[in-house]
Protein backbone atom coordinates (compact mmCIF):
# COMPACT_ATOMS: atom_id res chain seq x y z
CA MET A 1 65.71 -15.72 -59.37
CA ILE A 2 63.34 -15.62 -62.34
CA ARG A 3 62.52 -19.21 -63.19
CA SER A 4 60.38 -18.66 -66.28
CA LEU A 5 58.31 -16.20 -68.29
CA GLN A 6 54.81 -16.82 -69.61
CA GLY A 7 54.42 -14.69 -72.71
CA THR A 8 50.74 -13.79 -72.55
CA SER A 9 48.06 -13.97 -69.87
CA LEU A 10 44.53 -12.56 -69.87
CA ILE A 11 43.76 -13.41 -66.23
CA ASP A 12 46.74 -12.53 -64.01
CA TYR A 13 46.39 -8.73 -64.16
CA PRO A 14 42.75 -7.60 -63.97
CA GLY A 15 41.78 -5.73 -67.13
CA LYS A 16 45.20 -6.01 -68.79
CA ILE A 17 47.11 -8.34 -71.11
CA SER A 18 50.27 -9.30 -69.29
CA SER A 19 53.42 -11.37 -69.36
CA VAL A 20 54.02 -13.33 -66.15
CA LEU A 21 57.41 -13.75 -64.46
CA PHE A 22 57.69 -16.70 -62.08
CA THR A 23 60.26 -16.42 -59.30
CA ALA A 24 61.63 -19.64 -57.84
CA GLY A 25 61.65 -20.32 -54.12
CA CYS A 26 59.37 -19.40 -51.25
CA ASN A 27 59.88 -18.82 -47.54
CA LEU A 28 56.61 -20.63 -46.79
CA ALA A 29 55.52 -24.23 -47.27
CA CYS A 30 51.74 -23.96 -47.47
CA PRO A 31 50.38 -27.52 -47.79
CA PHE A 32 47.78 -26.37 -50.34
CA CYS A 33 50.23 -24.45 -52.57
CA HIS A 34 49.37 -25.06 -56.23
CA ASN A 35 52.91 -24.23 -57.48
CA PRO A 36 54.94 -26.82 -55.52
CA GLU A 37 57.64 -26.90 -58.19
CA LEU A 38 58.46 -23.27 -57.36
CA VAL A 39 58.54 -23.56 -53.57
CA ASN A 40 61.87 -25.21 -52.78
CA VAL A 41 64.65 -23.34 -54.53
CA ASP A 42 67.14 -26.07 -53.58
CA LEU A 43 65.39 -28.44 -55.96
CA LEU A 44 65.68 -26.09 -58.92
CA ASP A 45 68.49 -25.96 -61.41
CA GLY A 46 69.97 -22.46 -61.52
CA GLU A 47 71.02 -22.78 -65.14
CA PHE A 48 67.39 -22.48 -66.15
CA SER A 49 66.91 -19.11 -64.47
CA MET A 50 66.60 -15.92 -66.55
CA SER A 51 68.92 -12.94 -66.14
CA HIS A 52 67.42 -9.50 -65.67
CA ASP A 53 68.86 -8.49 -69.04
CA ALA A 54 67.01 -11.38 -70.67
CA VAL A 55 63.78 -10.44 -68.89
CA ILE A 56 63.92 -6.80 -70.03
CA LYS A 57 64.77 -7.85 -73.59
CA GLU A 58 61.84 -10.28 -73.70
CA LEU A 59 59.40 -7.74 -72.29
CA ASN A 60 60.44 -5.05 -74.76
CA GLU A 61 60.14 -7.50 -77.64
CA ARG A 62 56.52 -8.04 -76.60
CA ALA A 63 55.73 -4.32 -76.64
CA GLY A 64 52.47 -3.80 -78.47
CA PHE A 65 51.19 -7.26 -77.52
CA ILE A 66 51.12 -6.75 -73.74
CA ASP A 67 50.49 -3.75 -71.53
CA ALA A 68 51.57 -5.19 -68.15
CA VAL A 69 53.89 -7.60 -66.40
CA VAL A 70 53.14 -9.72 -63.32
CA LEU A 71 55.77 -10.91 -60.83
CA THR A 72 54.56 -14.01 -59.03
CA GLY A 73 56.08 -17.14 -57.57
CA GLY A 74 57.12 -18.64 -55.36
CA GLU A 75 57.55 -15.43 -53.42
CA PRO A 76 59.05 -12.53 -55.43
CA LEU A 77 60.07 -10.53 -52.35
CA LEU A 78 62.19 -13.43 -51.09
CA TYR A 79 65.02 -11.84 -53.07
CA GLU A 80 66.61 -8.42 -52.65
CA SER A 81 67.30 -8.54 -56.40
CA THR A 82 63.55 -8.31 -57.10
CA ILE A 83 63.69 -4.64 -56.11
CA ASP A 84 66.49 -4.15 -58.66
CA LEU A 85 64.39 -5.84 -61.35
CA LEU A 86 61.37 -3.68 -60.53
CA VAL A 87 63.52 -0.56 -60.91
CA ARG A 88 64.68 -1.73 -64.33
CA ILE A 89 61.16 -2.58 -65.50
CA LYS A 90 59.95 0.86 -64.45
CA GLN A 91 62.88 2.62 -66.13
CA GLU A 92 63.26 0.49 -69.26
CA THR A 93 59.70 -0.47 -70.24
CA ASP A 94 56.30 1.20 -70.51
CA LEU A 95 54.49 -1.64 -68.78
CA ALA A 96 52.21 -1.55 -65.77
CA VAL A 97 53.52 -3.84 -63.02
CA LYS A 98 51.62 -6.19 -60.69
CA LEU A 99 53.28 -7.90 -57.73
CA ASP A 100 51.95 -11.04 -56.05
CA THR A 101 53.17 -11.54 -52.48
CA ASN A 102 52.46 -13.51 -49.32
CA GLY A 103 53.00 -10.37 -47.23
CA THR A 104 55.79 -11.70 -45.02
CA PHE A 105 58.38 -9.14 -46.16
CA PRO A 106 56.82 -5.78 -45.19
CA ASP A 107 60.12 -3.85 -45.43
CA ARG A 108 60.72 -4.98 -49.01
CA LEU A 109 57.07 -4.43 -49.86
CA LYS A 110 57.37 -0.84 -48.67
CA ARG A 111 60.33 -0.32 -51.02
CA ALA A 112 58.51 -2.02 -53.89
CA LEU A 113 55.32 0.01 -53.66
CA PRO A 114 56.59 3.09 -55.57
CA LEU A 115 57.71 0.75 -58.37
CA VAL A 116 54.45 -1.14 -58.96
CA ASP A 117 50.90 -0.33 -59.99
CA PHE A 118 49.04 -3.25 -58.40
CA VAL A 119 49.71 -5.61 -55.48
CA ALA A 120 47.85 -8.84 -54.77
CA MET A 121 48.46 -10.15 -51.26
CA ASP A 122 47.39 -13.48 -49.81
CA LEU A 123 45.56 -13.82 -46.52
CA LYS A 124 45.84 -17.53 -45.79
CA ALA A 125 44.15 -18.07 -42.43
CA ARG A 126 43.06 -16.32 -39.27
CA PRO A 127 46.03 -15.18 -37.14
CA GLU A 128 46.17 -18.10 -34.73
CA ASN A 129 46.17 -20.60 -37.62
CA TYR A 130 48.89 -18.94 -39.69
CA MET A 131 51.61 -21.38 -38.64
CA LEU A 132 49.40 -24.30 -39.70
CA ALA A 133 48.57 -22.71 -43.05
CA THR A 134 52.19 -21.85 -43.87
CA GLY A 135 53.84 -25.13 -42.96
CA GLY A 136 55.13 -23.71 -39.68
CA ARG A 137 56.96 -20.88 -41.44
CA ALA A 138 55.11 -17.62 -40.64
CA ARG A 139 53.17 -15.76 -38.00
CA PHE A 140 50.53 -13.17 -38.78
CA SER A 141 52.38 -10.14 -37.41
CA SER A 142 54.42 -9.47 -40.57
CA VAL A 143 51.38 -10.11 -42.75
CA ARG A 144 49.35 -7.60 -40.75
CA GLU A 145 52.10 -5.01 -41.21
CA SER A 146 52.08 -5.55 -44.98
CA ALA A 147 48.29 -5.46 -45.10
CA MET A 148 48.18 -2.12 -43.32
CA LEU A 149 50.78 -0.74 -45.75
CA LEU A 150 48.53 -1.67 -48.65
CA ALA A 151 45.38 -0.36 -47.05
CA GLU A 152 47.03 3.06 -46.74
CA GLN A 153 47.73 3.26 -50.49
CA ASP A 154 45.99 5.86 -52.61
CA GLU A 155 47.92 5.53 -55.87
CA THR A 156 48.87 1.83 -55.90
CA ASP A 157 45.92 -0.48 -56.53
CA TYR A 158 45.71 -3.66 -54.47
CA GLU A 159 43.65 -6.65 -53.51
CA PHE A 160 43.66 -9.12 -50.68
CA ARG A 161 42.85 -12.67 -51.66
CA SER A 162 42.08 -15.90 -49.85
CA THR A 163 42.12 -19.36 -51.36
CA MET A 164 39.24 -21.10 -49.63
CA VAL A 165 40.86 -24.33 -48.44
CA PRO A 166 38.67 -26.52 -46.19
CA GLY A 167 40.40 -27.16 -42.87
CA PHE A 168 42.57 -24.04 -43.18
CA ILE A 169 40.16 -21.13 -43.73
CA ASN A 170 36.39 -20.77 -43.64
CA ALA A 171 33.79 -18.01 -44.04
CA ASP A 172 34.03 -16.89 -40.40
CA ASP A 173 37.81 -16.64 -40.73
CA VAL A 174 37.55 -14.33 -43.75
CA LEU A 175 35.07 -12.08 -41.96
CA PHE A 176 37.41 -12.03 -38.95
CA LEU A 177 40.37 -11.04 -41.15
CA ILE A 178 38.38 -8.19 -42.67
CA LYS A 179 37.52 -6.87 -39.21
CA GLU A 180 41.14 -7.44 -38.09
CA LEU A 181 42.23 -4.93 -40.75
CA ALA A 182 39.63 -2.36 -39.65
CA PRO A 183 39.50 0.60 -39.63
CA ALA A 184 41.50 0.36 -42.85
CA ARG A 185 39.46 0.62 -46.02
CA ILE A 186 39.69 -2.53 -48.14
CA LYS A 187 39.50 -1.81 -51.85
CA ARG A 188 39.19 -5.34 -53.16
CA TYR A 189 39.00 -8.86 -51.74
CA ALA A 190 39.14 -11.94 -53.97
CA LEU A 191 37.79 -15.33 -52.91
CA GLN A 192 39.48 -18.14 -54.81
CA LEU A 193 38.26 -21.71 -55.19
CA PHE A 194 40.75 -24.29 -53.93
CA ARG A 195 41.93 -26.75 -56.58
CA SER A 196 43.53 -29.91 -55.29
CA ASP A 197 44.98 -31.47 -58.43
CA ASN A 198 48.55 -30.25 -57.73
CA THR A 199 49.36 -29.39 -54.11
CA LEU A 200 52.59 -29.26 -52.11
CA SER A 201 51.18 -31.75 -49.61
CA PRO A 202 50.25 -35.07 -51.24
CA GLU A 203 47.65 -35.53 -48.51
CA LEU A 204 45.57 -32.67 -49.92
CA ARG A 205 45.53 -33.87 -53.51
CA GLY A 206 42.01 -34.79 -54.50
CA MET A 207 40.48 -33.13 -51.41
CA PRO A 208 37.03 -31.65 -52.17
CA SER A 209 36.68 -27.86 -52.33
CA TYR A 210 33.94 -25.84 -50.68
CA PRO A 211 30.72 -25.85 -52.71
CA GLN A 212 30.35 -22.82 -54.95
CA GLY A 213 27.27 -21.75 -53.01
CA TYR A 214 29.31 -21.57 -49.78
CA ILE A 215 31.71 -19.06 -51.32
CA GLU A 216 28.88 -17.07 -52.90
CA SER A 217 27.17 -16.88 -49.50
CA LEU A 218 30.38 -15.57 -47.93
CA ALA A 219 30.60 -12.89 -50.64
CA GLU A 220 27.10 -11.70 -49.72
CA LYS A 221 28.19 -11.30 -46.08
CA MET A 222 31.15 -9.19 -47.18
CA VAL A 223 28.95 -6.57 -48.87
CA GLY A 224 29.46 -3.25 -47.10
CA LEU A 225 32.76 -4.38 -45.59
CA VAL A 226 34.75 -4.42 -48.84
CA ASP A 227 34.49 -2.01 -51.78
CA ASP A 228 34.87 -4.69 -54.46
CA ILE A 229 34.39 -8.46 -53.99
CA GLN A 230 35.81 -10.79 -56.62
CA LEU A 231 34.82 -14.45 -56.99
CA ARG A 232 37.32 -16.69 -58.77
CA ILE A 233 35.45 -19.96 -58.88
């Protein structure tokens, strides 16, 4: 279910001007989620969702102003209909497509890969802490399967990304995750600063983030392990 469309973004698709489609609902309940209004689909009013026809019409009307579209959420792969929408975007527009995913639907991700140009996948915690980081909703096994699918890609660009949330993931955890995916080659890894102004868990609102220097130090340790390291701080 497409909840809303943001007409223009300069930051959601690296190097491209994009429109952003927000899907409602997520299979996880990460306490630090910064889009809590999109997590619980039961709290959303279906009458405000956009049909696929409306999405395609809006995207084509923006031709010339944008060169890409981003599907984010929530979790886009929560819905079988997302695959149908990706097919239509590929067939009915000239836009590059980026998909944001939590990696817990490897079978749907495999079907989506031929239809997208870029995938950004979250790595939320080290394997044994995945239940904690996802509100008791996910184990790492499906995420590992999705990660290996991405790491095998030659044509589809991708990045792994971790939001650096104190108490959920630290520098050692990120380095462990990188080694966990070895011997796969990792094209790009983004380290994102945690922002606590709007979180799913009220207990995390206002919680301090890691200092910028901590994240920069982690990036230095990742040199040689990852082709491209992105800092979003």
